[in-house]
Amino acid sequence: MTTQHDAAREQSAKAYWSANLRLMAISLVIWALVSYGFGILLRPMLSGISVGGSDLGLWFATQGSILVFLVLIFFYAWRMNKLDREFGVDED
């Protein structure tokens, strides 16, 4: 009986870690797309769009990537708290 309980706990831990890794990967892809994609690689395509007196590519490189990074931090914290509650490992 203890073996089944341990196996269920191990499977739950693997599912939790898998969900955590998936969330990190998605967040990193979004951050990389905004930082490197829009700010560097796609900047020539975005140069015709004006935001705050500057082109959109420069805005993403200087301001947009930082703002998106901050949003991703808060989203990650919120989503991890939700995951912690789902898997019963929350601190509350």
N, C-alpha and C. Protein backbone atom coordinates (compact mmCIF):
# COMPACT_ATOMS: atom_id res chain seq x y z
N MET A 1 0.82 -1.19 0.00
CA MET A 1 0.00 0.00 0.00
C MET A 1 0.87 1.26 0.00
N THR A 2 1.94 1.23 0.73
CA THR A 2 2.85 2.37 0.76
C THR A 2 3.48 2.59 -0.61
N THR A 3 3.71 1.52 -1.34
CA THR A 3 4.32 1.63 -2.66
C THR A 3 3.40 2.35 -3.63
N GLN A 4 2.10 2.08 -3.57
CA GLN A 4 1.14 2.78 -4.42
C GLN A 4 1.08 4.26 -4.06
N HIS A 5 1.12 4.54 -2.78
CA HIS A 5 1.09 5.94 -2.33
C HIS A 5 2.34 6.68 -2.80
N ASP A 6 3.49 6.02 -2.69
CA ASP A 6 4.74 6.63 -3.15
C ASP A 6 4.73 6.83 -4.66
N ALA A 7 4.19 5.87 -5.39
CA ALA A 7 4.12 5.98 -6.84
C ALA A 7 3.19 7.12 -7.25
N ALA A 8 2.06 7.26 -6.56
CA ALA A 8 1.14 8.35 -6.86
C ALA A 8 1.77 9.70 -6.54
N ARG A 9 2.49 9.76 -5.43
CA ARG A 9 3.17 11.00 -5.06
C ARG A 9 4.25 11.36 -6.08
N GLU A 10 4.99 10.36 -6.54
CA GLU A 10 6.04 10.60 -7.53
C GLU A 10 5.44 11.06 -8.86
N GLN A 11 4.32 10.45 -9.26
CA GLN A 11 3.66 10.86 -10.50
C GLN A 11 3.12 12.29 -10.38
N SER A 12 2.59 12.63 -9.22
CA SER A 12 2.11 13.99 -8.99
C SER A 12 3.26 14.99 -9.04
N ALA A 13 4.40 14.62 -8.47
CA ALA A 13 5.58 15.50 -8.50
C ALA A 13 6.07 15.69 -9.93
N LYS A 14 6.04 14.62 -10.74
CA LYS A 14 6.45 14.74 -12.14
C LYS A 14 5.49 15.63 -12.92
N ALA A 15 4.20 15.51 -12.66
CA ALA A 15 3.21 16.35 -13.35
C ALA A 15 3.39 17.81 -12.95
N TYR A 16 3.65 18.05 -11.68
CA TYR A 16 3.89 19.42 -11.19
C TYR A 16 5.12 20.02 -11.86
N TRP A 17 6.21 19.27 -11.89
CA TRP A 17 7.45 19.76 -12.48
C TRP A 17 7.28 19.99 -13.99
N SER A 18 6.54 19.09 -14.65
CA SER A 18 6.27 19.24 -16.08
C SER A 18 5.48 20.52 -16.36
N ALA A 19 4.48 20.79 -15.53
CA ALA A 19 3.68 22.01 -15.70
C ALA A 19 4.55 23.25 -15.44
N ASN A 20 5.43 23.17 -14.46
CA ASN A 20 6.34 24.27 -14.15
C ASN A 20 7.29 24.53 -15.32
N LEU A 21 7.87 23.48 -15.87
CA LEU A 21 8.79 23.63 -17.01
C LEU A 21 8.08 24.19 -18.24
N ARG A 22 6.86 23.74 -18.47
CA ARG A 22 6.08 24.24 -19.60
C ARG A 22 5.81 25.73 -19.44
N LEU A 23 5.44 26.15 -18.24
CA LEU A 23 5.19 27.56 -17.97
C LEU A 23 6.46 28.39 -18.16
N MET A 24 7.59 27.89 -17.67
CA MET A 24 8.86 28.60 -17.86
C MET A 24 9.23 28.71 -19.33
N ALA A 25 9.05 27.63 -20.08
CA ALA A 25 9.39 27.64 -21.50
C ALA A 25 8.53 28.64 -22.27
N ILE A 26 7.24 28.66 -22.00
CA ILE A 26 6.35 29.60 -22.67
C ILE A 26 6.74 31.04 -22.33
N SER A 27 7.02 31.29 -21.06
CA SER A 27 7.42 32.64 -20.64
C SER A 27 8.72 33.07 -21.30
N LEU A 28 9.69 32.17 -21.38
CA LEU A 28 10.97 32.50 -22.01
C LEU A 28 10.83 32.73 -23.50
N VAL A 29 9.97 31.97 -24.17
CA VAL A 29 9.74 32.17 -25.60
C VAL A 29 9.10 33.53 -25.84
N ILE A 30 8.13 33.90 -25.04
CA ILE A 30 7.49 35.21 -25.17
C ILE A 30 8.51 36.31 -24.94
N TRP A 31 9.30 36.18 -23.89
CA TRP A 31 10.31 37.21 -23.58
C TRP A 31 11.33 37.32 -24.71
N ALA A 32 11.81 36.19 -25.24
CA ALA A 32 12.80 36.21 -26.31
C ALA A 32 12.21 36.80 -27.59
N LEU A 33 10.97 36.46 -27.87
CA LEU A 33 10.31 37.01 -29.07
C LEU A 33 10.21 38.53 -28.98
N VAL A 34 9.79 39.02 -27.83
CA VAL A 34 9.65 40.46 -27.65
C VAL A 34 11.01 41.15 -27.61
N SER A 35 11.95 40.60 -26.86
CA SER A 35 13.26 41.24 -26.70
C SER A 35 14.10 41.19 -27.97
N TYR A 36 14.33 39.97 -28.44
CA TYR A 36 15.21 39.80 -29.59
C TYR A 36 14.46 39.92 -30.91
N GLY A 37 13.27 39.34 -30.95
CA GLY A 37 12.51 39.37 -32.19
C GLY A 37 12.08 40.76 -32.59
N PHE A 38 11.26 41.40 -31.75
CA PHE A 38 10.74 42.72 -32.09
C PHE A 38 11.79 43.81 -31.95
N GLY A 39 12.65 43.69 -30.97
CA GLY A 39 13.64 44.74 -30.72
C GLY A 39 14.84 44.72 -31.64
N ILE A 40 15.21 43.53 -32.15
CA ILE A 40 16.43 43.43 -32.95
C ILE A 40 16.14 42.88 -34.35
N LEU A 41 15.62 41.66 -34.42
CA LEU A 41 15.45 40.99 -35.71
C LEU A 41 14.37 41.63 -36.58
N LEU A 42 13.26 41.99 -36.00
CA LEU A 42 12.14 42.56 -36.77
C LEU A 42 12.13 44.09 -36.75
N ARG A 43 13.16 44.69 -36.21
CA ARG A 43 13.18 46.15 -36.11
C ARG A 43 13.05 46.85 -37.46
N PRO A 44 13.72 46.40 -38.51
CA PRO A 44 13.54 47.09 -39.80
C PRO A 44 12.08 47.07 -40.28
N MET A 45 11.36 45.98 -40.00
CA MET A 45 9.96 45.89 -40.42
C MET A 45 9.07 46.81 -39.58
N LEU A 46 9.47 47.06 -38.33
CA LEU A 46 8.67 47.87 -37.42
C LEU A 46 9.05 49.35 -37.45
N SER A 47 10.04 49.70 -38.26
CA SER A 47 10.55 51.08 -38.23
C SER A 47 9.55 52.10 -38.76
N GLY A 48 8.59 51.69 -39.54
CA GLY A 48 7.61 52.64 -40.09
C GLY A 48 6.50 52.99 -39.11
N ILE A 49 6.39 52.25 -38.03
CA ILE A 49 5.32 52.48 -37.05
C ILE A 49 5.87 53.35 -35.93
N SER A 50 5.22 54.48 -35.69
CA SER A 50 5.71 55.43 -34.70
C SER A 50 5.00 55.27 -33.36
N VAL A 51 5.79 55.23 -32.29
CA VAL A 51 5.26 55.17 -30.93
C VAL A 51 6.04 56.16 -30.08
N GLY A 52 5.39 57.15 -29.55
CA GLY A 52 6.04 58.12 -28.68
C GLY A 52 7.17 58.89 -29.35
N GLY A 53 7.05 59.16 -30.63
CA GLY A 53 8.08 59.91 -31.33
C GLY A 53 9.25 59.06 -31.81
N SER A 54 9.18 57.76 -31.64
CA SER A 54 10.24 56.86 -32.06
C SER A 54 9.61 55.69 -32.79
N ASP A 55 10.43 54.91 -33.49
CA ASP A 55 9.85 53.76 -34.19
C ASP A 55 9.57 52.62 -33.20
N LEU A 56 8.66 51.76 -33.58
CA LEU A 56 8.20 50.67 -32.72
C LEU A 56 9.32 49.69 -32.37
N GLY A 57 10.22 49.43 -33.29
CA GLY A 57 11.34 48.53 -33.01
C GLY A 57 12.23 49.05 -31.90
N LEU A 58 12.54 50.35 -31.95
CA LEU A 58 13.34 50.95 -30.88
C LEU A 58 12.57 50.94 -29.56
N TRP A 59 11.26 51.18 -29.62
CA TRP A 59 10.46 51.17 -28.40
C TRP A 59 10.50 49.79 -27.75
N PHE A 60 10.36 48.72 -28.56
CA PHE A 60 10.44 47.36 -28.01
C PHE A 60 11.81 47.09 -27.41
N ALA A 61 12.86 47.55 -28.08
CA ALA A 61 14.21 47.31 -27.59
C ALA A 61 14.48 48.04 -26.29
N THR A 62 13.91 49.23 -26.11
CA THR A 62 14.23 50.03 -24.93
C THR A 62 13.18 49.91 -23.82
N GLN A 63 11.92 49.94 -24.16
CA GLN A 63 10.86 49.95 -23.15
C GLN A 63 10.00 48.69 -23.16
N GLY A 64 9.60 48.28 -24.33
CA GLY A 64 8.65 47.18 -24.46
C GLY A 64 9.13 45.88 -23.86
N SER A 65 10.39 45.54 -24.09
CA SER A 65 10.89 44.27 -23.56
C SER A 65 10.94 44.28 -22.04
N ILE A 66 11.25 45.44 -21.46
CA ILE A 66 11.27 45.54 -19.99
C ILE A 66 9.86 45.41 -19.42
N LEU A 67 8.89 46.09 -20.06
CA LEU A 67 7.51 46.02 -19.58
C LEU A 67 6.95 44.61 -19.73
N VAL A 68 7.24 43.97 -20.85
CA VAL A 68 6.77 42.59 -21.04
C VAL A 68 7.43 41.67 -20.02
N PHE A 69 8.69 41.87 -19.74
CA PHE A 69 9.39 41.06 -18.74
C PHE A 69 8.73 41.21 -17.36
N LEU A 70 8.38 42.43 -16.98
CA LEU A 70 7.70 42.65 -15.70
C LEU A 70 6.33 41.98 -15.67
N VAL A 71 5.60 42.08 -16.75
CA VAL A 71 4.29 41.42 -16.83
C VAL A 71 4.47 39.91 -16.71
N LEU A 72 5.49 39.37 -17.38
CA LEU A 72 5.75 37.93 -17.30
C LEU A 72 6.11 37.49 -15.88
N ILE A 73 6.82 38.31 -15.14
CA ILE A 73 7.16 37.97 -13.75
C ILE A 73 5.89 37.84 -12.92
N PHE A 74 4.99 38.82 -13.03
CA PHE A 74 3.75 38.77 -12.26
C PHE A 74 2.85 37.63 -12.72
N PHE A 75 2.80 37.38 -14.04
CA PHE A 75 2.01 36.27 -14.56
C PHE A 75 2.56 34.94 -14.04
N TYR A 76 3.89 34.78 -14.06
CA TYR A 76 4.50 33.54 -13.59
C TYR A 76 4.20 33.32 -12.10
N ALA A 77 4.31 34.36 -11.31
CA ALA A 77 4.03 34.22 -9.87
C ALA A 77 2.57 33.84 -9.64
N TRP A 78 1.66 34.50 -10.36
CA TRP A 78 0.23 34.20 -10.21
C TRP A 78 -0.06 32.76 -10.64
N ARG A 79 0.49 32.35 -11.78
CA ARG A 79 0.22 31.01 -12.30
C ARG A 79 0.86 29.94 -11.42
N MET A 80 2.04 30.20 -10.89
CA MET A 80 2.68 29.22 -10.00
C MET A 80 1.91 29.07 -8.70
N ASN A 81 1.37 30.16 -8.17
CA ASN A 81 0.52 30.05 -6.98
C ASN A 81 -0.69 29.18 -7.27
N LYS A 82 -1.26 29.34 -8.45
CA LYS A 82 -2.41 28.52 -8.84
C LYS A 82 -1.99 27.05 -8.98
N LEU A 83 -0.85 26.80 -9.61
CA LEU A 83 -0.33 25.43 -9.73
C LEU A 83 -0.04 24.82 -8.37
N ASP A 84 0.54 25.60 -7.47
CA ASP A 84 0.83 25.11 -6.12
C ASP A 84 -0.45 24.66 -5.42
N ARG A 85 -1.51 25.44 -5.57
CA ARG A 85 -2.79 25.05 -4.95
C ARG A 85 -3.35 23.79 -5.59
N GLU A 86 -3.24 23.69 -6.93
CA GLU A 86 -3.75 22.52 -7.64
C GLU A 86 -3.06 21.23 -7.18
N PHE A 87 -1.76 21.31 -6.93
CA PHE A 87 -1.00 20.12 -6.56
C PHE A 87 -0.81 19.99 -5.05
N GLY A 88 -1.40 20.88 -4.28
CA GLY A 88 -1.34 20.78 -2.82
C GLY A 88 -0.01 21.09 -2.20
N VAL A 89 0.77 21.94 -2.84
CA VAL A 89 2.07 22.31 -2.29
C VAL A 89 2.15 23.80 -1.98
N ASP A 90 0.98 24.43 -1.84
CA ASP A 90 0.96 25.87 -1.56
C ASP A 90 1.35 26.13 -0.11
N GLU A 91 1.74 27.38 0.14
CA GLU A 91 2.25 27.75 1.45
C GLU A 91 1.14 28.29 2.37
N ASP A 92 -0.03 28.53 1.82
CA ASP A 92 -1.12 29.10 2.64
C ASP A 92 -1.81 28.06 3.45
